[in-house]
Amino acid sequence: MRKPLLAALAAASVLLAQAPAASAAAHTHAAGWCSEKQSSGRYYYKHGKHWDCVSPGAYCAKEQRGQYGYSMRAAAHAKRYKCAQYAGGAWRWKPAPA
C-alpha cells in the first residue's frame, strides 16, 4: 500500500516543480521579440503608426504622447496600450479601450 502512495506523491512533486519553470519559459518566449536593444539604447521602437515593446505603466517619451503601443510582457500585439496623461500631469502607458 505504501509503494503506490509514495510513487503518486513523487509524481505530483515532479509535476509541481516543473509548473513554474514552464510558466517562466512561456513568459520569456512571449517577450523574446522585445529582447533586442535598439540603436536608441531602449527596447521599445516605432513600427508604422504604433510603438512596440512598451512597458505598461511606464512613463512615455515625448514623441509617444497620445499614440498606441503594444506590451513587451505579452505575445506580439496581444495587449494594446495608449500613452495618456494622468491627472498629476505624468504621461504613462495605460490599457487602451477595445
N, C-alpha and C. Protein backbone atom coordinates (compact mmCIF):
# COMPACT_ATOMS: atom_id res chain seq x y z
N MET A 1 0.82 -1.20 0.00
CA MET A 1 0.00 0.00 0.00
C MET A 1 0.86 1.26 0.00
N ARG A 2 2.01 1.21 0.65
CA ARG A 2 2.86 2.40 0.75
C ARG A 2 3.56 2.74 -0.57
N LYS A 3 3.96 1.72 -1.31
CA LYS A 3 4.69 1.98 -2.55
C LYS A 3 3.85 2.78 -3.55
N PRO A 4 2.58 2.43 -3.81
CA PRO A 4 1.79 3.24 -4.75
C PRO A 4 1.58 4.68 -4.24
N LEU A 5 1.40 4.82 -2.94
CA LEU A 5 1.20 6.15 -2.37
C LEU A 5 2.46 7.00 -2.52
N LEU A 6 3.61 6.42 -2.23
CA LEU A 6 4.88 7.14 -2.38
C LEU A 6 5.15 7.49 -3.84
N ALA A 7 4.81 6.57 -4.74
CA ALA A 7 5.01 6.84 -6.16
C ALA A 7 4.11 7.98 -6.62
N ALA A 8 2.88 8.02 -6.14
CA ALA A 8 1.96 9.09 -6.50
C ALA A 8 2.44 10.44 -5.97
N LEU A 9 2.94 10.45 -4.74
CA LEU A 9 3.46 11.69 -4.16
C LEU A 9 4.69 12.17 -4.92
N ALA A 10 5.55 11.26 -5.30
CA ALA A 10 6.75 11.63 -6.04
C ALA A 10 6.37 12.21 -7.41
N ALA A 11 5.41 11.59 -8.08
CA ALA A 11 4.97 12.09 -9.38
C ALA A 11 4.35 13.48 -9.25
N ALA A 12 3.55 13.69 -8.22
CA ALA A 12 2.93 15.00 -8.01
C ALA A 12 3.97 16.07 -7.73
N SER A 13 4.99 15.74 -6.96
CA SER A 13 6.02 16.73 -6.64
C SER A 13 6.82 17.11 -7.89
N VAL A 14 7.05 16.15 -8.78
CA VAL A 14 7.76 16.43 -10.02
C VAL A 14 6.92 17.38 -10.89
N LEU A 15 5.62 17.11 -10.98
CA LEU A 15 4.75 17.96 -11.78
C LEU A 15 4.68 19.38 -11.22
N LEU A 16 4.58 19.50 -9.91
CA LEU A 16 4.51 20.81 -9.29
C LEU A 16 5.82 21.58 -9.44
N ALA A 17 6.92 20.88 -9.39
CA ALA A 17 8.22 21.53 -9.53
C ALA A 17 8.42 22.06 -10.95
N GLN A 18 7.84 21.40 -11.94
CA GLN A 18 8.01 21.81 -13.33
C GLN A 18 7.06 22.92 -13.75
N ALA A 19 5.94 23.10 -13.07
CA ALA A 19 4.93 24.09 -13.48
C ALA A 19 5.48 25.51 -13.50
N PRO A 20 6.16 26.00 -12.46
CA PRO A 20 6.68 27.37 -12.53
C PRO A 20 7.72 27.55 -13.63
N ALA A 21 8.52 26.53 -13.86
CA ALA A 21 9.54 26.63 -14.90
C ALA A 21 8.88 26.75 -16.27
N ALA A 22 7.82 26.01 -16.51
CA ALA A 22 7.12 26.10 -17.78
C ALA A 22 6.48 27.47 -17.94
N SER A 23 5.93 27.99 -16.87
CA SER A 23 5.31 29.32 -16.92
C SER A 23 6.35 30.38 -17.21
N ALA A 24 7.50 30.30 -16.56
CA ALA A 24 8.57 31.28 -16.79
C ALA A 24 9.08 31.19 -18.22
N ALA A 25 9.18 29.98 -18.75
CA ALA A 25 9.65 29.81 -20.12
C ALA A 25 8.66 30.43 -21.10
N ALA A 26 7.37 30.28 -20.84
CA ALA A 26 6.36 30.85 -21.73
C ALA A 26 6.44 32.38 -21.69
N HIS A 27 6.67 32.93 -20.52
CA HIS A 27 6.77 34.39 -20.39
C HIS A 27 8.00 34.90 -21.14
N THR A 28 9.11 34.21 -21.01
CA THR A 28 10.34 34.60 -21.70
C THR A 28 10.13 34.53 -23.21
N HIS A 29 9.46 33.47 -23.67
CA HIS A 29 9.23 33.31 -25.10
C HIS A 29 8.33 34.43 -25.63
N ALA A 30 7.29 34.79 -24.88
CA ALA A 30 6.37 35.84 -25.33
C ALA A 30 7.10 37.17 -25.45
N ALA A 31 7.99 37.46 -24.53
CA ALA A 31 8.70 38.74 -24.54
C ALA A 31 9.98 38.68 -25.38
N GLY A 32 10.31 37.53 -25.92
CA GLY A 32 11.55 37.36 -26.68
C GLY A 32 11.66 38.29 -27.87
N TRP A 33 10.55 38.64 -28.48
CA TRP A 33 10.60 39.53 -29.65
C TRP A 33 10.98 40.95 -29.26
N CYS A 34 11.02 41.25 -27.97
CA CYS A 34 11.41 42.58 -27.49
C CYS A 34 12.79 42.57 -26.83
N SER A 35 13.55 41.54 -27.02
CA SER A 35 14.81 41.41 -26.29
C SER A 35 15.98 42.16 -26.93
N GLU A 36 15.84 42.65 -28.15
CA GLU A 36 16.94 43.36 -28.81
C GLU A 36 16.94 44.84 -28.45
N LYS A 37 18.06 45.32 -27.98
CA LYS A 37 18.20 46.74 -27.68
C LYS A 37 18.31 47.51 -29.00
N GLN A 38 17.54 48.57 -29.11
CA GLN A 38 17.53 49.38 -30.32
C GLN A 38 18.72 50.34 -30.35
N SER A 39 18.95 50.98 -31.47
CA SER A 39 20.07 51.92 -31.59
C SER A 39 19.92 53.10 -30.63
N SER A 40 18.68 53.38 -30.19
CA SER A 40 18.44 54.46 -29.24
C SER A 40 18.88 54.08 -27.82
N GLY A 41 19.21 52.80 -27.62
CA GLY A 41 19.58 52.31 -26.29
C GLY A 41 18.38 51.80 -25.51
N ARG A 42 17.21 51.84 -26.12
CA ARG A 42 15.98 51.38 -25.47
C ARG A 42 15.50 50.12 -26.15
N TYR A 43 14.51 49.48 -25.53
CA TYR A 43 13.96 48.25 -26.11
C TYR A 43 12.69 48.50 -26.92
N TYR A 44 12.00 49.63 -26.69
CA TYR A 44 10.81 49.92 -27.47
C TYR A 44 11.21 50.60 -28.77
N TYR A 45 10.35 50.51 -29.77
CA TYR A 45 10.65 51.13 -31.06
C TYR A 45 9.36 51.40 -31.81
N LYS A 46 9.41 52.35 -32.72
CA LYS A 46 8.24 52.71 -33.52
C LYS A 46 8.15 51.77 -34.70
N HIS A 47 6.94 51.27 -34.93
CA HIS A 47 6.70 50.35 -36.03
C HIS A 47 5.44 50.83 -36.75
N GLY A 48 5.61 51.52 -37.85
CA GLY A 48 4.46 52.09 -38.55
C GLY A 48 3.86 53.21 -37.72
N LYS A 49 2.58 53.09 -37.37
CA LYS A 49 1.89 54.11 -36.59
C LYS A 49 1.80 53.79 -35.11
N HIS A 50 2.45 52.73 -34.66
CA HIS A 50 2.39 52.37 -33.24
C HIS A 50 3.79 52.06 -32.71
N TRP A 51 3.86 51.89 -31.40
CA TRP A 51 5.12 51.55 -30.73
C TRP A 51 5.07 50.11 -30.27
N ASP A 52 6.14 49.41 -30.42
CA ASP A 52 6.24 48.02 -29.94
C ASP A 52 7.14 47.97 -28.72
N CYS A 53 6.90 46.98 -27.88
CA CYS A 53 7.72 46.69 -26.71
C CYS A 53 7.65 47.77 -25.62
N VAL A 54 6.47 48.35 -25.42
CA VAL A 54 6.33 49.35 -24.36
C VAL A 54 6.11 48.63 -23.02
N SER A 55 6.44 49.31 -21.95
CA SER A 55 6.24 48.76 -20.60
C SER A 55 4.99 49.37 -19.99
N PRO A 56 3.95 48.58 -19.78
CA PRO A 56 2.71 49.10 -19.20
C PRO A 56 2.98 49.82 -17.88
N GLY A 57 2.44 51.01 -17.73
CA GLY A 57 2.61 51.80 -16.53
C GLY A 57 3.84 52.67 -16.53
N ALA A 58 4.73 52.48 -17.49
CA ALA A 58 5.97 53.26 -17.56
C ALA A 58 5.70 54.64 -18.15
N TYR A 59 6.59 55.57 -17.87
CA TYR A 59 6.48 56.90 -18.46
C TYR A 59 6.63 56.82 -19.97
N CYS A 60 5.92 57.68 -20.68
CA CYS A 60 6.01 57.76 -22.14
C CYS A 60 7.02 58.83 -22.52
N ALA A 61 7.73 58.60 -23.58
CA ALA A 61 8.62 59.61 -24.14
C ALA A 61 7.76 60.68 -24.81
N LYS A 62 8.30 61.85 -24.99
CA LYS A 62 7.55 62.98 -25.56
C LYS A 62 6.97 62.62 -26.93
N GLU A 63 7.73 61.92 -27.76
CA GLU A 63 7.26 61.57 -29.10
C GLU A 63 6.18 60.48 -29.09
N GLN A 64 5.92 59.85 -27.95
CA GLN A 64 4.91 58.79 -27.85
C GLN A 64 3.56 59.29 -27.35
N ARG A 65 3.49 60.50 -26.88
CA ARG A 65 2.27 61.02 -26.27
C ARG A 65 1.08 60.94 -27.22
N GLY A 66 -0.01 60.35 -26.71
CA GLY A 66 -1.24 60.20 -27.47
C GLY A 66 -1.24 59.05 -28.46
N GLN A 67 -0.16 58.30 -28.54
CA GLN A 67 -0.06 57.21 -29.50
C GLN A 67 -0.31 55.86 -28.83
N TYR A 68 -0.47 54.85 -29.67
CA TYR A 68 -0.72 53.50 -29.18
C TYR A 68 0.55 52.67 -29.20
N GLY A 69 0.60 51.66 -28.34
CA GLY A 69 1.73 50.76 -28.29
C GLY A 69 1.29 49.39 -27.83
N TYR A 70 2.17 48.43 -27.96
CA TYR A 70 1.90 47.06 -27.57
C TYR A 70 2.92 46.60 -26.54
N SER A 71 2.43 45.87 -25.56
CA SER A 71 3.22 45.47 -24.41
C SER A 71 4.38 44.55 -24.75
N MET A 72 5.48 44.74 -24.01
CA MET A 72 6.62 43.84 -24.15
C MET A 72 6.44 42.61 -23.27
N ARG A 73 5.43 42.60 -22.41
CA ARG A 73 5.22 41.50 -21.47
C ARG A 73 4.20 40.49 -21.96
N ALA A 74 3.76 40.60 -23.20
CA ALA A 74 2.76 39.68 -23.74
C ALA A 74 3.20 39.26 -25.13
N ALA A 75 2.47 38.33 -25.70
CA ALA A 75 2.76 37.91 -27.07
C ALA A 75 2.60 39.10 -28.00
N ALA A 76 3.25 39.05 -29.13
CA ALA A 76 3.24 40.17 -30.07
C ALA A 76 1.83 40.67 -30.36
N HIS A 77 1.62 41.94 -30.15
CA HIS A 77 0.36 42.63 -30.42
C HIS A 77 -0.85 42.05 -29.70
N ALA A 78 -0.63 41.47 -28.53
CA ALA A 78 -1.73 40.90 -27.76
C ALA A 78 -2.36 41.93 -26.82
N LYS A 79 -1.57 42.81 -26.24
CA LYS A 79 -2.10 43.80 -25.29
C LYS A 79 -1.77 45.20 -25.77
N ARG A 80 -2.83 45.99 -25.99
CA ARG A 80 -2.68 47.33 -26.55
C ARG A 80 -2.75 48.38 -25.44
N TYR A 81 -1.90 49.38 -25.54
CA TYR A 81 -1.83 50.46 -24.56
C TYR A 81 -1.82 51.80 -25.28
N LYS A 82 -2.18 52.84 -24.54
CA LYS A 82 -2.14 54.19 -25.09
C LYS A 82 -1.34 55.07 -24.14
N CYS A 83 -0.53 55.93 -24.70
CA CYS A 83 0.23 56.88 -23.91
C CYS A 83 -0.72 58.02 -23.56
N ALA A 84 -1.11 58.12 -22.30
CA ALA A 84 -2.11 59.10 -21.88
C ALA A 84 -1.62 59.87 -20.66
N GLN A 85 -2.15 61.07 -20.51
CA GLN A 85 -1.76 61.92 -19.39
C GLN A 85 -2.68 61.66 -18.20
N TYR A 86 -2.08 61.44 -17.05
CA TYR A 86 -2.82 61.24 -15.81
C TYR A 86 -3.12 62.60 -15.19
N ALA A 87 -3.97 62.61 -14.17
CA ALA A 87 -4.39 63.85 -13.52
C ALA A 87 -3.20 64.66 -12.99
N GLY A 88 -2.17 63.99 -12.52
CA GLY A 88 -0.99 64.68 -11.99
C GLY A 88 -0.09 65.27 -13.06
N GLY A 89 -0.40 65.02 -14.33
CA GLY A 89 0.39 65.57 -15.42
C GLY A 89 1.38 64.61 -16.04
N ALA A 90 1.60 63.46 -15.40
CA ALA A 90 2.56 62.49 -15.92
C ALA A 90 1.96 61.72 -17.09
N TRP A 91 2.77 61.44 -18.09
CA TRP A 91 2.36 60.64 -19.24
C TRP A 91 2.83 59.22 -19.02
N ARG A 92 1.89 58.25 -19.10
CA ARG A 92 2.21 56.84 -18.88
C ARG A 92 1.42 55.97 -19.85
N TRP A 93 1.95 54.75 -20.05
CA TRP A 93 1.24 53.77 -20.87
C TRP A 93 0.15 53.14 -20.02
N LYS A 94 -1.11 53.22 -20.49
CA LYS A 94 -2.21 52.60 -19.77
C LYS A 94 -3.05 51.81 -20.75
N PRO A 95 -3.79 50.78 -20.27
CA PRO A 95 -4.57 49.94 -21.18
C PRO A 95 -5.51 50.76 -22.07
N ALA A 96 -5.52 50.44 -23.35
CA ALA A 96 -6.39 51.14 -24.30
C ALA A 96 -7.74 50.47 -24.35
N PRO A 97 -8.80 51.25 -24.50
CA PRO A 97 -10.13 50.63 -24.63
C PRO A 97 -10.21 49.82 -25.92
N ALA A 98 -11.01 48.78 -25.87
CA ALA A 98 -11.13 47.88 -27.03
C ALA A 98 -11.82 48.47 -28.21
